[in-house]
Amino acid sequence: METKQICVIGAGISGLVTTKTFLEEGYNVTVFEKQKGLGGVWEQSRTYPGLTTQNTGDTYSFSDYPMPASYPEWPTAEDMRNYLNSYAQNFGVLERIRFQTEVTNVSRKTGEQPRWVVTIRVKDGNGDETREEKHEFDFVLVCNGTFSIPKLPSLPGREEFVASGGQIMHSTEFNDASIIEGKRVVVVGFGKSACDIATLGANIAKKSSLVFRKPMWKVPRFFLGLVNLKYILLTRFSEAWFPYRQMGRVEKLLHTLGKPLVWAFWRTNEMLIRLQFGLDSCGMLPEQPMNQVNCTISIAPPDFFKYVHSGKIQAIKTSIAKFIPDGVELANGQQLQADVVIFGTGFTQELPFLEEEYRRQIIDEDGNFNLYRYLIHPNIPQMGFVGYNSSFYSQLTSEVGAWWLLEYVKGNLLLPSPSAMYQEMVADIDWMKTQYHSVVARATCITSFSLRYTEQLMEDMGANNQLGVWKGISQIMMPVDLSLYHKLRQELKSQRLK
């Protein structure tokens, strides 16, 4: 068999594990990465001071490459970069990456040998001049991620504010603490980055304000100051309390006859958090119950709520109406003086480089992504997506997704008909709309069912899900043991060789 030419777009977590997976099977892989370094969200130019992972390191590593024991429990952005660099070097991925190379167009070339034509814009060593190149590939793996295009609101008065010396940036552009040192900073948003930066501002800025539309559930690193969140949230047991479109018998029982139990489980968790953080007294009690949110739960930075209560962080529930020469005017009419305004307002999910005909099939009119198993589109040949299944275990869902795509490329998967795949895709989005009253993150987030999802992928690949993942009560109650997935993969490989 002729070695297939594989293109991987992006060298973040998804791109690295996908490249490694295909390299191991003898494919010729080229990776295009527009930044200077690898790591995606962890790349140096995109990370803010004090950034750490949301997960503990032991639940945020690849299944066959544990993080060094010397790392802190919540690794820093620098730790993550070092880990990912080490992974890329160890598995021969690094020499496959072309840095400072942006993919500008991916279009289909028809004919006897249909292939993908990938147009790239390459920067020179200084990042000044660019040249364009075109390359052909048999298969394209899109790993640019759902956190690659910053979302910045367009507000009036911007020019006047900047002209008077003000600075405006997205959280991904804030990578030097001195930018806010001794300054008046206004942070917009309530996600992880917004709360992290507002907390940093409380320590080093002249004044730190947080403007947010609505509070979202935050969880502590240690519940009641004692129990590590991984024992509460990162287990197969905790996932069972979220409903799922395709539940097993025990889960169906839990979410029908056991509904009062499910209700009590979530209200107990909410009560613990309300008490620990004093949510009621600081006006930060979310409107939606915890079990109605999917991808908006994040870790509270240590001291965040303490600073809100003491006033070190001035938290205001509203939005910015416009910029004024020395700050911002809020929708409630209040004016805030500011030197720096930082938007922790998330990201836009898009595929700007993909040929329009295909882009329209993947992204519907509401902006939602329609992918079977969050990995392929039935009508788009020779293309896969990794990282469009974002979760608390992004490294695991990307890794198992890459294995699934490898089996797909090799023709080892018994897939349903295209019409059956379409039905599945529609059912997934309809279920999200019913369960969460909206489609979160453009249907690219699976936080509430990520472990069940990986089980589904393993079953598609022919692994009996009793092969070793959930044997025994301890594995259901304890934080996910990633090495089990490595064992499962080895068993799958040996099955293929028989």
Protein backbone atom coordinates (compact mmCIF):
# COMPACT_ATOMS: atom_id res chain seq x y z
CA MET A 1 0.00 0.00 0.00
CA GLU A 2 1.28 3.44 -0.92
CA THR A 3 1.91 5.55 2.18
CA LYS A 4 -0.85 8.09 2.36
CA GLN A 5 0.01 11.77 2.60
CA ILE A 6 -1.79 13.13 5.66
CA CYS A 7 -2.23 16.82 6.50
CA VAL A 8 -2.83 17.88 10.12
CA ILE A 9 -3.99 21.46 10.71
CA GLY A 10 -2.87 22.71 14.13
CA ALA A 11 -0.25 21.60 16.66
CA GLY A 12 -2.26 21.86 19.86
CA ILE A 13 -3.20 18.88 22.02
CA SER A 14 -5.44 17.41 19.28
CA GLY A 15 -2.94 17.93 16.47
CA LEU A 16 -0.05 16.40 18.42
CA VAL A 17 -1.85 13.23 19.47
CA THR A 18 -3.37 12.80 15.98
CA THR A 19 0.03 13.17 14.31
CA LYS A 20 1.60 10.70 16.72
CA THR A 21 -1.22 8.18 16.13
CA PHE A 22 -0.85 8.28 12.33
CA LEU A 23 2.97 8.36 12.37
CA GLU A 24 3.02 5.14 14.40
CA GLU A 25 1.11 3.42 11.61
CA GLY A 26 3.57 4.52 8.94
CA TYR A 27 1.68 7.42 7.39
CA ASN A 28 3.51 10.44 6.00
CA VAL A 29 2.21 13.32 8.11
CA THR A 30 2.73 17.08 7.67
CA VAL A 31 1.52 19.49 10.37
CA PHE A 32 0.79 23.16 9.67
CA GLU A 33 0.82 25.45 12.73
CA LYS A 34 0.30 29.19 12.42
CA GLN A 35 1.96 30.07 15.76
CA LYS A 36 5.69 30.07 16.51
CA GLY A 37 5.37 27.20 18.95
CA LEU A 38 3.25 24.13 19.59
CA GLY A 39 0.59 23.74 22.26
CA GLY A 40 -2.50 25.50 20.91
CA VAL A 41 -4.15 27.18 23.89
CA TRP A 42 -0.93 26.55 25.85
CA GLU A 43 1.37 28.22 23.30
CA GLN A 44 3.42 30.96 24.95
CA SER A 45 2.05 33.94 23.03
CA ARG A 46 -1.52 32.94 23.91
CA THR A 47 -1.30 32.28 27.65
CA TYR A 48 -1.81 34.77 30.45
CA PRO A 49 0.25 35.00 33.65
CA GLY A 50 -0.82 32.54 36.33
CA LEU A 51 -2.72 30.26 33.95
CA THR A 52 -3.04 26.67 35.17
CA THR A 53 -5.00 23.63 33.99
CA GLN A 54 -8.53 23.04 35.25
CA ASN A 55 -7.79 19.35 35.76
CA THR A 56 -5.20 17.76 37.96
CA GLY A 57 -2.19 16.63 35.92
CA ASP A 58 -2.96 12.91 36.35
CA THR A 59 -6.35 13.38 34.63
CA TYR A 60 -4.98 15.67 31.89
CA SER A 61 -2.20 13.66 30.29
CA PHE A 62 -2.09 11.26 27.35
CA SER A 63 -2.79 7.62 28.16
CA ASP A 64 0.73 6.41 27.32
CA TYR A 65 2.72 9.44 28.49
CA PRO A 66 2.07 10.46 32.12
CA MET A 67 3.08 13.91 33.30
CA PRO A 68 6.27 14.04 35.38
CA ALA A 69 5.66 13.38 39.08
CA SER A 70 7.58 16.60 39.83
CA TYR A 71 4.79 18.73 38.31
CA PRO A 72 2.37 20.51 40.64
CA GLU A 73 -1.11 19.01 41.02
CA TRP A 74 -2.51 21.73 38.76
CA PRO A 75 0.20 22.19 36.11
CA THR A 76 0.99 25.71 34.92
CA ALA A 77 0.92 26.83 31.28
CA GLU A 78 4.72 26.49 31.22
CA ASP A 79 4.48 22.94 32.59
CA MET A 80 1.96 22.12 29.86
CA ARG A 81 4.25 23.53 27.16
CA ASN A 82 7.18 21.50 28.47
CA TYR A 83 5.04 18.36 28.66
CA LEU A 84 3.68 18.76 25.13
CA ASN A 85 7.15 19.55 23.74
CA SER A 86 8.54 16.47 25.44
CA TYR A 87 5.66 14.36 24.03
CA ALA A 88 6.23 15.74 20.51
CA GLN A 89 9.98 15.05 20.69
CA ASN A 90 9.55 11.59 22.17
CA PHE A 91 7.20 10.40 19.41
CA GLY A 92 8.90 12.08 16.45
CA VAL A 93 6.12 14.64 15.98
CA LEU A 94 8.26 17.76 16.33
CA GLU A 95 10.12 17.37 13.03
CA ARG A 96 6.78 17.04 11.22
CA ILE A 97 5.55 20.52 12.24
CA ARG A 98 5.90 23.56 10.00
CA PHE A 99 5.56 26.55 12.31
CA GLN A 100 4.38 30.06 11.36
CA THR A 101 2.41 28.46 8.56
CA GLU A 102 -1.26 29.36 8.27
CA VAL A 103 -3.72 27.27 6.27
CA THR A 104 -5.77 29.70 4.17
CA ASN A 105 -7.72 27.34 1.92
CA VAL A 106 -8.65 23.66 1.76
CA SER A 107 -10.44 22.63 -1.44
CA ARG A 108 -11.26 19.38 -3.21
CA LYS A 109 -9.52 18.39 -6.43
CA THR A 110 -11.63 15.96 -8.39
CA GLY A 111 -10.56 13.56 -11.13
CA GLU A 112 -9.11 10.08 -11.21
CA GLN A 113 -7.33 10.59 -7.93
CA PRO A 114 -9.42 13.00 -5.83
CA ARG A 115 -7.25 14.80 -3.27
CA TRP A 116 -7.33 17.83 -1.02
CA VAL A 117 -5.43 20.92 -2.12
CA VAL A 118 -4.18 22.81 0.94
CA THR A 119 -3.06 26.40 0.43
CA ILE A 120 -0.71 27.77 3.09
CA ARG A 121 0.79 31.18 3.88
CA VAL A 122 4.30 30.83 5.26
CA LYS A 123 5.99 33.55 7.32
CA ASP A 124 9.73 34.01 7.15
CA GLY A 125 11.90 33.59 10.27
CA ASN A 126 11.13 37.11 11.50
CA GLY A 127 7.41 36.72 10.88
CA ASP A 128 7.49 39.63 8.41
CA GLU A 129 7.20 38.50 4.82
CA THR A 130 4.93 35.72 3.65
CA ARG A 131 4.79 33.45 0.63
CA GLU A 132 2.02 31.18 -0.58
CA GLU A 133 2.34 27.47 -1.29
CA LYS A 134 -0.07 24.73 -2.37
CA HIS A 135 0.21 21.09 -1.33
CA GLU A 136 -1.85 18.01 -2.09
CA PHE A 137 -2.92 15.41 0.47
CA ASP A 138 -4.91 12.18 0.52
CA PHE A 139 -6.48 12.95 3.89
CA VAL A 140 -6.90 16.13 5.95
CA LEU A 141 -7.26 16.11 9.74
CA VAL A 142 -8.62 19.40 11.06
CA CYS A 143 -7.20 20.01 14.54
CA ASN A 144 -7.38 23.81 14.72
CA GLY A 145 -9.57 23.52 17.80
CA THR A 146 -12.58 25.39 19.12
CA PHE A 147 -10.41 27.92 20.97
CA SER A 148 -8.47 29.35 18.05
CA ILE A 149 -10.52 32.40 16.97
CA PRO A 150 -10.95 34.94 19.81
CA LYS A 151 -14.40 36.50 20.12
CA LEU A 152 -14.28 40.27 20.65
CA PRO A 153 -17.45 42.37 20.79
CA SER A 154 -17.57 45.45 18.55
CA LEU A 155 -18.39 48.44 20.75
CA PRO A 156 -18.69 52.15 19.97
CA GLY A 157 -16.10 54.61 21.28
CA ARG A 158 -13.18 52.22 20.82
CA GLU A 159 -11.02 54.68 18.82
CA GLU A 160 -11.45 57.49 21.37
CA PHE A 161 -10.51 55.18 24.24
CA VAL A 162 -7.38 53.94 22.44
CA ALA A 163 -6.47 57.50 21.34
CA SER A 164 -6.51 58.61 24.98
CA GLY A 165 -3.99 55.87 25.88
CA GLY A 166 -6.34 53.01 26.72
CA GLN A 167 -5.57 49.39 25.82
CA ILE A 168 -8.10 46.81 24.62
CA MET A 169 -7.28 43.12 24.26
CA HIS A 170 -8.62 39.57 24.33
CA SER A 171 -7.48 37.32 27.18
CA THR A 172 -5.28 35.39 24.70
CA GLU A 173 -3.29 38.60 24.04
CA PHE A 174 -2.66 39.28 27.71
CA ASN A 175 0.66 37.50 28.27
CA ASP A 176 2.63 39.94 30.38
CA ALA A 177 1.55 40.91 33.91
CA SER A 178 3.24 44.32 33.63
CA ILE A 179 0.44 45.39 31.22
CA ILE A 180 -1.92 45.80 34.21
CA GLU A 181 0.56 46.50 37.02
CA GLY A 182 -0.57 49.63 38.90
CA LYS A 183 -3.28 50.24 36.28
CA ARG A 184 -7.06 50.33 36.44
CA VAL A 185 -8.22 47.15 34.71
CA VAL A 186 -11.71 46.12 33.63
CA VAL A 187 -12.18 42.43 32.78
CA VAL A 188 -15.24 41.31 30.84
CA GLY A 189 -16.75 37.83 31.18
CA PHE A 190 -17.25 35.12 33.79
CA GLY A 191 -15.38 32.16 32.32
CA LYS A 192 -12.08 30.77 33.56
CA SER A 193 -9.82 33.36 31.92
CA ALA A 194 -11.93 36.37 33.02
CA CYS A 195 -12.00 35.31 36.67
CA ASP A 196 -8.31 34.33 36.65
CA ILE A 197 -7.27 37.73 35.26
CA ALA A 198 -9.56 39.69 37.59
CA THR A 199 -7.98 37.80 40.52
CA LEU A 200 -4.48 38.60 39.28
CA GLY A 201 -5.60 42.24 38.86
CA ALA A 202 -6.77 42.34 42.47
CA ASN A 203 -3.19 41.55 43.51
CA ILE A 204 -1.17 43.77 41.17
CA ALA A 205 -3.44 46.34 39.50
CA LYS A 206 -4.47 49.70 40.95
CA LYS A 207 -8.09 48.63 40.61
CA SER A 208 -9.68 45.40 39.31
CA SER A 209 -13.27 45.33 38.04
CA LEU A 210 -15.17 42.40 36.59
CA VAL A 211 -18.14 43.07 34.32
CA PHE A 212 -20.30 40.01 33.63
CA ARG A 213 -23.73 39.37 32.15
CA LYS A 214 -24.63 36.37 34.26
CA PRO A 215 -22.86 34.30 36.88
CA MET A 216 -21.99 30.70 36.04
CA TRP A 217 -21.25 27.79 38.31
CA LYS A 218 -17.70 27.66 39.60
CA VAL A 219 -16.29 24.72 41.48
CA PRO A 220 -13.53 24.83 44.08
CA ARG A 221 -10.32 22.86 43.75
CA PHE A 222 -11.23 21.36 47.11
CA PHE A 223 -14.87 20.94 48.11
CA LEU A 224 -15.34 22.24 51.67
CA GLY A 225 -11.59 22.86 51.57
CA LEU A 226 -11.01 19.11 51.96
CA VAL A 227 -12.04 16.91 49.02
CA ASN A 228 -10.18 17.26 45.71
CA LEU A 229 -12.60 18.08 42.90
CA LYS A 230 -11.35 15.09 40.88
CA TYR A 231 -13.12 12.76 43.35
CA ILE A 232 -16.35 14.74 42.94
CA LEU A 233 -16.43 15.64 39.24
CA LEU A 234 -13.89 13.55 37.32
CA THR A 235 -15.30 10.06 37.87
CA ARG A 236 -17.58 7.78 35.88
CA PHE A 237 -19.92 7.86 38.90
CA SER A 238 -20.32 11.66 38.77
CA GLU A 239 -21.01 11.56 35.03
CA ALA A 240 -23.92 9.18 35.58
CA TRP A 241 -25.84 11.97 37.33
CA PHE A 242 -26.05 13.88 34.06
CA PRO A 243 -28.64 12.49 31.64
CA TYR A 244 -27.39 11.19 28.31
CA ARG A 245 -29.12 10.54 25.01
CA GLN A 246 -28.18 6.86 24.99
CA MET A 247 -28.22 5.68 28.60
CA GLY A 248 -27.55 2.21 29.92
CA ARG A 249 -30.11 0.31 32.04
CA VAL A 250 -28.82 1.51 35.40
CA GLU A 251 -28.65 5.12 34.21
CA LYS A 252 -32.16 4.95 32.73
CA LEU A 253 -33.38 3.73 36.09
CA LEU A 254 -31.52 6.53 37.85
CA HIS A 255 -33.05 9.22 35.60
CA THR A 256 -36.62 7.85 35.81
CA LEU A 257 -37.44 6.14 39.11
CA GLY A 258 -34.37 7.69 40.71
CA LYS A 259 -35.20 11.29 39.71
CA PRO A 260 -35.64 12.46 43.34
CA LEU A 261 -32.16 11.05 44.06
CA VAL A 262 -30.69 12.93 41.07
CA TRP A 263 -32.43 16.11 42.22
CA ALA A 264 -31.00 15.70 45.75
CA PHE A 265 -27.49 14.98 44.40
CA TRP A 266 -27.36 18.25 42.44
CA ARG A 267 -29.01 20.40 45.09
CA THR A 268 -26.50 19.09 47.65
CA ASN A 269 -23.58 20.02 45.40
CA GLU A 270 -25.10 23.44 44.78
CA MET A 271 -25.64 24.01 48.49
CA LEU A 272 -22.03 23.10 49.30
CA ILE A 273 -20.76 25.57 46.68
CA ARG A 274 -23.20 28.30 47.77
CA LEU A 275 -21.97 27.98 51.34
CA GLN A 276 -18.27 27.64 50.50
CA PHE A 277 -18.23 30.66 48.16
CA GLY A 278 -21.00 32.73 49.76
CA LEU A 279 -22.75 33.01 46.39
CA ASP A 280 -26.03 34.40 47.71
CA SER A 281 -24.48 37.28 49.62
CA CYS A 282 -22.30 38.42 46.69
CA GLY A 283 -25.05 38.16 44.07
CA MET A 284 -23.32 35.42 42.10
CA LEU A 285 -25.84 32.61 42.36
CA PRO A 286 -26.38 31.24 38.82
CA GLU A 287 -29.93 31.10 37.52
CA GLN A 288 -29.59 27.67 35.94
CA PRO A 289 -29.27 24.57 38.14
CA MET A 290 -25.92 22.78 37.89
CA ASN A 291 -27.33 19.80 36.00
CA GLN A 292 -28.73 22.14 33.31
CA VAL A 293 -25.32 23.49 32.36
CA ASN A 294 -22.89 21.59 30.21
CA CYS A 295 -19.73 23.40 29.24
CA THR A 296 -19.84 26.53 31.34
CA ILE A 297 -18.72 25.00 34.65
CA SER A 298 -15.15 26.06 35.46
CA ILE A 299 -12.73 26.09 38.38
CA ALA A 300 -12.80 29.11 40.65
CA PRO A 301 -9.35 30.69 41.05
CA PRO A 302 -8.15 30.50 44.68
CA ASP A 303 -9.14 33.80 46.39
CA PHE A 304 -11.57 34.89 43.62
CA PHE A 305 -14.70 34.87 45.79
CA LYS A 306 -12.75 36.15 48.81
CA TYR A 307 -11.72 39.19 46.73
CA VAL A 308 -15.26 39.71 45.44
CA HIS A 309 -16.60 39.72 49.03
CA SER A 310 -13.90 42.11 50.26
CA GLY A 311 -14.31 44.45 47.27
CA LYS A 312 -10.75 43.87 45.99
CA ILE A 313 -12.54 42.77 42.84
CA GLN A 314 -15.38 45.12 41.97
CA ALA A 315 -17.92 42.75 40.38
CA ILE A 316 -20.77 44.28 38.41
CA LYS A 317 -23.54 42.26 36.77
CA THR A 318 -24.19 44.13 33.52
CA SER A 319 -22.50 44.63 30.14
CA ILE A 320 -20.40 47.34 28.50
CA ALA A 321 -22.49 49.71 26.37
CA LYS A 322 -19.60 51.72 24.95
CA PHE A 323 -16.07 52.96 25.49
CA ILE A 324 -15.51 56.52 26.73
CA PRO A 325 -12.16 58.42 26.59
CA ASP A 326 -11.06 57.35 30.10
CA GLY A 327 -12.86 54.03 30.47
CA VAL A 328 -16.20 52.36 29.79
CA GLU A 329 -19.87 53.14 30.18
CA LEU A 330 -21.97 50.21 31.33
CA ALA A 331 -25.48 49.27 30.24
CA ASN A 332 -26.74 50.32 33.69
CA GLY A 333 -25.43 53.86 33.08
CA GLN A 334 -22.47 53.51 35.45
CA GLN A 335 -19.06 54.68 34.23
CA LEU A 336 -15.82 52.90 35.11
CA GLN A 337 -12.43 54.49 34.70
CA ALA A 338 -10.02 52.12 33.01
CA ASP A 339 -6.54 52.01 31.51
CA VAL A 340 -6.84 48.44 30.23
CA VAL A 341 -9.94 46.48 29.18
CA ILE A 342 -9.49 42.72 28.78
CA PHE A 343 -12.19 40.59 27.17
CA GLY A 344 -12.43 37.05 28.51
CA THR A 345 -15.35 36.54 26.15
CA GLY A 346 -14.43 33.19 24.69
CA PHE A 347 -13.99 32.05 21.12
CA THR A 348 -15.80 31.71 17.82
CA GLN A 349 -16.04 28.23 16.32
CA GLU A 350 -15.32 28.50 12.61
CA LEU A 351 -13.59 26.82 9.65
CA PRO A 352 -12.53 29.90 7.67
CA PHE A 353 -10.19 27.95 5.38
CA LEU A 354 -12.60 25.23 4.23
CA GLU A 355 -14.16 25.34 0.79
CA GLU A 356 -17.62 26.95 1.11
CA GLU A 357 -19.52 23.94 -0.27
CA TYR A 358 -18.23 21.76 2.55
CA ARG A 359 -18.21 24.42 5.24
CA ARG A 360 -21.95 24.94 4.76
CA GLN A 361 -22.61 21.24 5.26
CA ILE A 362 -20.69 21.09 8.53
CA ILE A 363 -21.84 24.40 10.03
CA ASP A 364 -25.61 24.90 9.89
CA GLU A 365 -27.56 28.17 9.78
CA ASP A 366 -27.43 28.45 13.59
CA GLY A 367 -23.64 28.09 13.53
CA ASN A 368 -23.75 24.58 15.01
CA PHE A 369 -21.26 21.92 13.92
CA ASN A 370 -22.79 18.78 12.44
CA LEU A 371 -20.35 15.90 12.67
CA TYR A 372 -20.93 12.18 13.17
CA ARG A 373 -19.31 11.17 16.48
CA TYR A 374 -17.93 14.76 16.42
CA LEU A 375 -15.26 13.38 14.05
CA ILE A 376 -16.44 13.08 10.42
CA HIS A 377 -19.14 14.33 8.06
CA PRO A 378 -20.84 11.59 5.98
CA ASN A 379 -20.75 13.71 2.83
CA ILE A 380 -17.15 14.93 3.06
CA PRO A 381 -14.62 12.29 2.01
CA GLN A 382 -11.08 11.99 3.30
CA MET A 383 -11.48 14.50 6.12
CA GLY A 384 -11.65 14.17 9.90
CA PHE A 385 -11.95 16.55 12.84
CA VAL A 386 -10.18 16.18 16.19
CA GLY A 387 -10.85 18.50 19.10
CA TYR A 388 -14.44 19.26 18.14
CA ASN A 389 -15.36 17.03 21.07
CA SER A 390 -14.09 19.39 23.78
CA SER A 391 -14.46 18.26 27.40
CA PHE A 392 -12.83 18.19 30.83
CA TYR A 393 -10.72 15.39 29.37
CA SER A 394 -9.87 17.10 26.08
CA GLN A 395 -6.61 15.19 25.81
CA LEU A 396 -8.45 11.86 26.20
CA THR A 397 -11.37 12.60 23.88
CA SER A 398 -8.85 13.83 21.28
CA GLU A 399 -6.65 10.78 21.72
CA VAL A 400 -9.47 8.24 21.41
CA GLY A 401 -10.92 10.31 18.55
CA ALA A 402 -7.57 10.07 16.73
CA TRP A 403 -7.55 6.26 17.19
CA TRP A 404 -11.10 6.12 15.78
CA LEU A 405 -10.08 8.19 12.73
CA LEU A 406 -7.07 5.96 12.13
CA GLU A 407 -9.37 2.92 12.03
CA TYR A 408 -11.68 4.90 9.73
CA VAL A 409 -8.83 5.72 7.30
CA LYS A 410 -7.73 2.08 7.33
CA GLY A 411 -11.29 0.93 6.56
CA ASN A 412 -11.65 -1.05 9.80
CA LEU A 413 -14.86 0.59 11.05
CA LEU A 414 -18.31 -0.79 10.36
CA LEU A 415 -20.14 2.52 9.98
CA PRO A 416 -23.88 2.95 9.46
CA SER A 417 -25.25 4.32 6.18
CA PRO A 418 -24.89 8.07 5.53
CA SER A 419 -28.63 8.59 6.19
CA ALA A 420 -28.33 6.78 9.55
CA MET A 421 -25.33 8.97 10.40
CA TYR A 422 -27.34 12.09 9.56
CA GLN A 423 -30.14 10.89 11.86
CA GLU A 424 -27.62 10.46 14.68
CA MET A 425 -26.21 13.95 14.11
CA VAL A 426 -29.69 15.52 14.16
CA ALA A 427 -30.64 13.52 17.26
CA ASP A 428 -27.50 14.74 19.07
CA ILE A 429 -28.27 18.42 18.46
CA ASP A 430 -32.01 18.01 19.19
CA TRP A 431 -31.18 16.32 22.47
CA MET A 432 -28.85 19.19 23.46
CA LYS A 433 -31.58 21.72 22.67
CA THR A 434 -34.09 19.79 24.79
CA GLN A 435 -31.74 19.05 27.69
CA TYR A 436 -29.87 22.36 27.92
CA HIS A 437 -32.39 24.68 26.18
CA SER A 438 -29.57 25.73 23.86
CA VAL A 439 -26.67 24.28 21.91
CA VAL A 440 -23.54 25.07 23.90
CA ALA A 441 -20.28 25.94 22.13
CA ARG A 442 -21.85 25.34 18.72
CA ALA A 443 -22.28 21.61 19.50
CA THR A 444 -18.54 21.08 20.02
CA CYS A 445 -18.62 20.40 23.76
CA ILE A 446 -19.37 17.06 25.43
CA THR A 447 -18.37 17.75 29.03
CA SER A 448 -21.39 16.05 30.61
CA PHE A 449 -20.93 12.77 28.73
CA SER A 450 -17.24 12.64 27.75
CA LEU A 451 -16.42 9.27 29.33
CA ARG A 452 -19.56 7.69 27.90
CA TYR A 453 -18.58 9.14 24.54
CA THR A 454 -15.12 7.55 24.68
CA GLU A 455 -16.78 4.21 25.53
CA GLN A 456 -18.94 4.62 22.43
CA LEU A 457 -15.86 5.23 20.25
CA MET A 458 -14.12 2.18 21.73
CA GLU A 459 -17.19 0.06 20.95
CA ASP A 460 -17.21 1.37 17.36
CA MET A 461 -13.61 0.15 17.11
CA GLY A 462 -14.62 -3.30 18.26
CA ALA A 463 -13.60 -3.10 21.90
CA ASN A 464 -15.97 -4.74 24.29
CA ASN A 465 -16.31 -1.94 26.83
CA GLN A 466 -15.80 -4.51 29.58
CA LEU A 467 -12.25 -5.06 28.22
CA GLY A 468 -10.87 -3.18 31.15
CA VAL A 469 -12.27 0.32 31.47
CA TRP A 470 -15.03 0.01 34.05
CA LYS A 471 -14.25 -3.21 35.89
CA GLY A 472 -15.03 -3.02 39.53
CA ILE A 473 -16.65 -0.38 41.69
CA SER A 474 -13.33 1.36 42.40
CA GLN A 475 -12.91 2.34 38.74
CA ILE A 476 -16.41 3.82 38.68
CA MET A 477 -15.95 5.78 41.90
CA MET A 478 -12.33 6.89 41.44
CA PRO A 479 -10.96 9.55 39.06
CA VAL A 480 -10.41 8.25 35.55
CA ASP A 481 -7.28 6.09 35.22
CA LEU A 482 -5.90 7.08 31.82
CA SER A 483 -3.47 4.17 31.63
CA LEU A 484 -6.47 1.84 31.24
CA TYR A 485 -7.13 3.40 27.85
CA HIS A 486 -3.56 2.66 26.80
CA LYS A 487 -4.06 -0.99 27.81
CA LEU A 488 -7.34 -1.07 25.91
CA ARG A 489 -5.64 0.32 22.81
CA GLN A 490 -2.89 -2.33 23.01
CA GLU A 491 -5.54 -5.06 23.25
CA LEU A 492 -7.32 -3.61 20.24
CA LYS A 493 -4.07 -3.56 18.25
CA SER A 494 -3.33 -7.19 19.10
CA GLN A 495 -6.89 -8.14 18.06
CA ARG A 496 -6.26 -6.54 14.66
CA LEU A 497 -3.09 -8.60 14.18
CA LYS A 498 -4.82 -11.94 14.78
